[in-house]
Amino acid sequence: MIKTYTDTTIKNCTQPFAIKCGSTWFAFPSTIKDASLGDYKLWGDDTGRSMTGSMKGTLIGIFPKLQVTIGKQNANERAILCKCLNQTEATVRAYCTERQRFETASFYFGDVTNKIKHWDKHGTLGALSNGVQSYQCKSTFDSMQFSVVANNRRSKS
């Protein structure tokens, strides 16, 4: 079940993450199979090992990264999630393990992978509109994997 929130009610969300799509926040509480909250370190071009083997370089910043596997969903739920994940970037609210609180930031999305468990071959085609024909089905999507990385490095405070 997908829960929705507004900018006012999102502060009451206790799910590990929520994605803002348009003016609505979406949380996917019952379908998360696995979620990892990590720190993605971005190193400068001067980074590498010296002749003595010691590591040297410039740490440009630490960027929060969230990797998620979503479990079984129906076609309608998956369509909502895909709409959120196929944005160029979005506002994401996620739990920060270091600070032990929820934080909101701009994130960009990595690739999205959908695993189909059962395809409903007896679905119905909708009316043709502007060269597009919808397909109504009861297909079950077994899992979806995606990652999001913050656009800005984490502040030090």
C-alpha atoms as a PDB file:
ATOM      1  CA  MET A   1       0.000   0.000   0.000  1.00  0.00           C
ATOM      2  CA  ILE A   2       1.339   3.407  -0.970  1.00  0.00           C
ATOM      3  CA  LYS A   3       0.873   6.139   1.605  1.00  0.00           C
ATOM      4  CA  THR A   4       0.659   9.756   0.481  1.00  0.00           C
ATOM      5  CA  TYR A   5       1.566  12.910   2.362  1.00  0.00           C
ATOM      6  CA  THR A   6       1.546  16.667   1.826  1.00  0.00           C
ATOM      7  CA  ASP A   7       4.301  19.162   2.650  1.00  0.00           C
ATOM      8  CA  THR A   8       2.508  19.706   5.962  1.00  0.00           C
ATOM      9  CA  THR A   9       1.942  16.056   6.927  1.00  0.00           C
ATOM     10  CA  ILE A  10       5.289  14.604   5.745  1.00  0.00           C
ATOM     11  CA  LYS A  11       6.789  15.387   9.168  1.00  0.00           C
ATOM     12  CA  ASN A  12       4.555  12.597  10.552  1.00  0.00           C
ATOM     13  CA  CYS A  13       5.969   9.962   8.166  1.00  0.00           C
ATOM     14  CA  THR A  14       8.108   7.329   9.912  1.00  0.00           C
ATOM     15  CA  GLN A  15       9.000   5.291   6.821  1.00  0.00           C
ATOM     16  CA  PRO A  16      12.739   5.058   5.960  1.00  0.00           C
ATOM     17  CA  PHE A  17      12.224   7.228   2.882  1.00  0.00           C
ATOM     18  CA  ALA A  18       9.627   9.163   0.919  1.00  0.00           C
ATOM     19  CA  ILE A  19       9.820  10.677  -2.575  1.00  0.00           C
ATOM     20  CA  LYS A  20       8.153  13.913  -3.638  1.00  0.00           C
ATOM     21  CA  CYS A  21       6.481  13.783  -7.042  1.00  0.00           C
ATOM     22  CA  GLY A  22       4.721  17.003  -7.994  1.00  0.00           C
ATOM     23  CA  SER A  23       3.122  18.310  -4.805  1.00  0.00           C
ATOM     24  CA  THR A  24       2.605  14.852  -3.252  1.00  0.00           C
ATOM     25  CA  TRP A  25       4.975  12.793  -1.118  1.00  0.00           C
ATOM     26  CA  PHE A  26       4.864   9.007  -1.640  1.00  0.00           C
ATOM     27  CA  ALA A  27       6.010   6.415   0.919  1.00  0.00           C
ATOM     28  CA  PHE A  28       6.114   2.682   0.218  1.00  0.00           C
ATOM     29  CA  PRO A  29       6.034   1.101   3.679  1.00  0.00           C
ATOM     30  CA  SER A  30       4.643  -2.371   3.154  1.00  0.00           C
ATOM     31  CA  THR A  31       6.647  -3.203   0.049  1.00  0.00           C
ATOM     32  CA  ILE A  32      10.266  -2.494   1.061  1.00  0.00           C
ATOM     33  CA  LYS A  33      12.243  -5.759   0.936  1.00  0.00           C
ATOM     34  CA  ASP A  34      15.650  -4.221   1.568  1.00  0.00           C
ATOM     35  CA  ALA A  35      17.006  -0.718   2.077  1.00  0.00           C
ATOM     36  CA  SER A  36      20.569   0.479   2.596  1.00  0.00           C
ATOM     37  CA  LEU A  37      21.539   3.957   3.710  1.00  0.00           C
ATOM     38  CA  GLY A  38      25.122   4.745   2.803  1.00  0.00           C
ATOM     39  CA  ASP A  39      27.723   7.415   2.298  1.00  0.00           C
ATOM     40  CA  TYR A  40      29.065   7.783  -1.239  1.00  0.00           C
ATOM     41  CA  LYS A  41      32.548   9.316  -1.195  1.00  0.00           C
ATOM     42  CA  LEU A  42      33.535  11.381  -4.220  1.00  0.00           C
ATOM     43  CA  TRP A  43      37.300  11.735  -4.650  1.00  0.00           C
ATOM     44  CA  GLY A  44      39.180  14.297  -6.754  1.00  0.00           C
ATOM     45  CA  ASP A  45      41.319  13.575  -9.818  1.00  0.00           C
ATOM     46  CA  ASP A  46      44.470  13.789  -7.670  1.00  0.00           C
ATOM     47  CA  THR A  47      43.483  10.679  -5.722  1.00  0.00           C
ATOM     48  CA  GLY A  48      45.499   7.490  -5.817  1.00  0.00           C
ATOM     49  CA  ARG A  49      48.302   5.533  -4.212  1.00  0.00           C
ATOM     50  CA  SER A  50      51.830   6.841  -3.948  1.00  0.00           C
ATOM     51  CA  MET A  51      54.900   4.747  -4.783  1.00  0.00           C
ATOM     52  CA  THR A  52      55.053   3.738  -1.103  1.00  0.00           C
ATOM     53  CA  GLY A  53      51.472   2.501  -1.212  1.00  0.00           C
ATOM     54  CA  SER A  54      49.876   5.182   0.923  1.00  0.00           C
ATOM     55  CA  MET A  55      46.572   6.681  -0.176  1.00  0.00           C
ATOM     56  CA  LYS A  56      46.532  10.387  -1.015  1.00  0.00           C
ATOM     57  CA  GLY A  57      43.955  12.644  -2.564  1.00  0.00           C
ATOM     58  CA  THR A  58      41.199  15.147  -2.127  1.00  0.00           C
ATOM     59  CA  LEU A  59      37.860  14.106  -0.739  1.00  0.00           C
ATOM     60  CA  ILE A  60      35.387  16.330  -2.578  1.00  0.00           C
ATOM     61  CA  GLY A  61      32.520  15.325  -0.357  1.00  0.00           C
ATOM     62  CA  ILE A  62      30.352  12.640   1.151  1.00  0.00           C
ATOM     63  CA  PHE A  63      26.994  12.215  -0.552  1.00  0.00           C
ATOM     64  CA  PRO A  64      24.134  10.276   1.062  1.00  0.00           C
ATOM     65  CA  LYS A  65      23.086   7.258  -1.012  1.00  0.00           C
ATOM     66  CA  LEU A  66      19.967   5.148  -0.612  1.00  0.00           C
ATOM     67  CA  GLN A  67      19.690   1.718  -2.263  1.00  0.00           C
ATOM     68  CA  VAL A  68      16.265   0.115  -2.177  1.00  0.00           C
ATOM     69  CA  THR A  69      14.594  -3.104  -3.255  1.00  0.00           C
ATOM     70  CA  ILE A  70      10.814  -2.863  -3.380  1.00  0.00           C
ATOM     71  CA  GLY A  71       8.831  -6.086  -3.125  1.00  0.00           C
ATOM     72  CA  LYS A  72       5.637  -7.296  -4.758  1.00  0.00           C
ATOM     73  CA  GLN A  73       3.341  -4.614  -6.145  1.00  0.00           C
ATOM     74  CA  ASN A  74       0.462  -4.527  -8.565  1.00  0.00           C
ATOM     75  CA  ALA A  75       0.668  -2.668 -11.883  1.00  0.00           C
ATOM     76  CA  ASN A  76      -1.012   0.498 -10.540  1.00  0.00           C
ATOM     77  CA  GLU A  77       1.345   0.807  -7.553  1.00  0.00           C
ATOM     78  CA  ARG A  78       4.357   0.155  -9.755  1.00  0.00           C
ATOM     79  CA  ALA A  79       3.236   2.847 -12.227  1.00  0.00           C
ATOM     80  CA  ILE A  80       3.128   5.439  -9.415  1.00  0.00           C
ATOM     81  CA  LEU A  81       6.590   4.466  -8.208  1.00  0.00           C
ATOM     82  CA  CYS A  82       8.030   4.509 -11.746  1.00  0.00           C
ATOM     83  CA  LYS A  83       6.647   8.017 -12.260  1.00  0.00           C
ATOM     84  CA  CYS A  84       8.485   9.141  -9.122  1.00  0.00           C
ATOM     85  CA  LEU A  85      11.735   7.385 -10.016  1.00  0.00           C
ATOM     86  CA  ASN A  86      11.857   8.544 -13.627  1.00  0.00           C
ATOM     87  CA  GLN A  87      12.172  12.197 -12.672  1.00  0.00           C
ATOM     88  CA  THR A  88      15.557  13.768 -13.388  1.00  0.00           C
ATOM     89  CA  GLU A  89      15.825  14.656  -9.734  1.00  0.00           C
ATOM     90  CA  ALA A  90      13.451  14.863  -6.813  1.00  0.00           C
ATOM     91  CA  THR A  91      13.176  15.807  -3.191  1.00  0.00           C
ATOM     92  CA  VAL A  92      13.675  12.748  -0.996  1.00  0.00           C
ATOM     93  CA  ARG A  93      13.154  12.464   2.740  1.00  0.00           C
ATOM     94  CA  ALA A  94      15.326   9.755   4.260  1.00  0.00           C
ATOM     95  CA  TYR A  95      16.673   8.715   7.622  1.00  0.00           C
ATOM     96  CA  CYS A  96      20.245   9.853   8.335  1.00  0.00           C
ATOM     97  CA  THR A  97      21.984   7.183  10.416  1.00  0.00           C
ATOM     98  CA  GLU A  98      24.810   9.492  11.524  1.00  0.00           C
ATOM     99  CA  ARG A  99      22.511  12.224  12.819  1.00  0.00           C
ATOM    100  CA  GLN A 100      19.671   9.904  13.878  1.00  0.00           C
ATOM    101  CA  ARG A 101      16.990  12.026  12.244  1.00  0.00           C
ATOM    102  CA  PHE A 102      15.065  12.420   9.005  1.00  0.00           C
ATOM    103  CA  GLU A 103      16.526  14.824   6.471  1.00  0.00           C
ATOM    104  CA  THR A 104      15.203  16.195   3.200  1.00  0.00           C
ATOM    105  CA  ALA A 105      17.427  16.883   0.195  1.00  0.00           C
ATOM    106  CA  SER A 106      17.532  16.904  -3.593  1.00  0.00           C
ATOM    107  CA  PHE A 107      18.534  13.521  -5.042  1.00  0.00           C
ATOM    108  CA  TYR A 108      19.125  12.117  -8.510  1.00  0.00           C
ATOM    109  CA  PHE A 109      18.089   8.608  -9.474  1.00  0.00           C
ATOM    110  CA  GLY A 110      20.183   5.742 -10.792  1.00  0.00           C
ATOM    111  CA  ASP A 111      18.881   2.989 -13.047  1.00  0.00           C
ATOM    112  CA  VAL A 112      15.608   1.280 -12.172  1.00  0.00           C
ATOM    113  CA  THR A 113      15.188  -2.486 -12.632  1.00  0.00           C
ATOM    114  CA  ASN A 114      11.754  -4.169 -12.597  1.00  0.00           C
ATOM    115  CA  LYS A 115      11.397  -7.930 -12.170  1.00  0.00           C
ATOM    116  CA  ILE A 116       8.085  -9.283 -13.462  1.00  0.00           C
ATOM    117  CA  LYS A 117       6.794 -12.355 -11.641  1.00  0.00           C
ATOM    118  CA  HIS A 118       3.529 -12.892 -13.502  1.00  0.00           C
ATOM    119  CA  TRP A 119       2.412 -11.235 -16.713  1.00  0.00           C
ATOM    120  CA  ASP A 120      -1.342 -11.066 -17.219  1.00  0.00           C
ATOM    121  CA  LYS A 121      -1.673 -11.998 -20.897  1.00  0.00           C
ATOM    122  CA  HIS A 122      -5.446 -11.645 -20.668  1.00  0.00           C
ATOM    123  CA  GLY A 123      -5.411  -7.911 -19.982  1.00  0.00           C
ATOM    124  CA  THR A 124      -7.505  -5.500 -22.008  1.00  0.00           C
ATOM    125  CA  LEU A 125      -6.338  -2.897 -24.477  1.00  0.00           C
ATOM    126  CA  GLY A 126      -7.782   0.566 -24.001  1.00  0.00           C
ATOM    127  CA  ALA A 127      -8.897   3.019 -26.672  1.00  0.00           C
ATOM    128  CA  LEU A 128      -6.252   4.435 -28.990  1.00  0.00           C
ATOM    129  CA  SER A 129      -5.578   8.073 -28.041  1.00  0.00           C
ATOM    130  CA  ASN A 130      -2.916  10.201 -29.755  1.00  0.00           C
ATOM    131  CA  GLY A 131      -1.232   7.070 -31.074  1.00  0.00           C
ATOM    132  CA  VAL A 132      -1.023   5.479 -27.613  1.00  0.00           C
ATOM    133  CA  GLN A 133      -3.050   2.494 -26.468  1.00  0.00           C
ATOM    134  CA  SER A 134      -3.208   1.708 -22.751  1.00  0.00           C
ATOM    135  CA  TYR A 135      -3.104  -1.852 -21.455  1.00  0.00           C
ATOM    136  CA  GLN A 136      -5.043  -2.738 -18.300  1.00  0.00           C
ATOM    137  CA  CYS A 137      -3.675  -5.836 -16.635  1.00  0.00           C
ATOM    138  CA  LYS A 138      -3.388  -7.566 -13.313  1.00  0.00           C
ATOM    139  CA  SER A 139       0.304  -8.294 -13.679  1.00  0.00           C
ATOM    140  CA  THR A 140       2.356  -8.747 -10.541  1.00  0.00           C
ATOM    141  CA  PHE A 141       5.777  -7.159 -10.281  1.00  0.00           C
ATOM    142  CA  ASP A 142       7.999  -9.227  -8.013  1.00  0.00           C
ATOM    143  CA  SER A 143      10.698  -6.689  -7.212  1.00  0.00           C
ATOM    144  CA  MET A 144      12.242  -3.387  -8.224  1.00  0.00           C
ATOM    145  CA  GLN A 145      15.719  -2.121  -7.455  1.00  0.00           C
ATOM    146  CA  PHE A 146      16.906   1.470  -7.567  1.00  0.00           C
ATOM    147  CA  SER A 147      19.310   3.872  -5.942  1.00  0.00           C
ATOM    148  CA  VAL A 148      19.228   7.584  -5.244  1.00  0.00           C
ATOM    149  CA  VAL A 149      22.238   9.800  -4.537  1.00  0.00           C
ATOM    150  CA  ALA A 150      22.121  13.291  -3.048  1.00  0.00           C
ATOM    151  CA  ASN A 151      22.886  16.145  -5.449  1.00  0.00           C
ATOM    152  CA  ASN A 152      24.744  18.044  -2.730  1.00  0.00           C
ATOM    153  CA  ARG A 153      27.305  16.784  -0.289  1.00  0.00           C
ATOM    154  CA  ARG A 154      26.325  16.313   3.288  1.00  0.00           C
ATOM    155  CA  SER A 155      26.989  19.314   5.493  1.00  0.00           C
ATOM    156  CA  LYS A 156      29.375  18.875   8.383  1.00  0.00           C
ATOM    157  CA  SER A 157      26.866  19.870  11.082  1.00  0.00           C
END
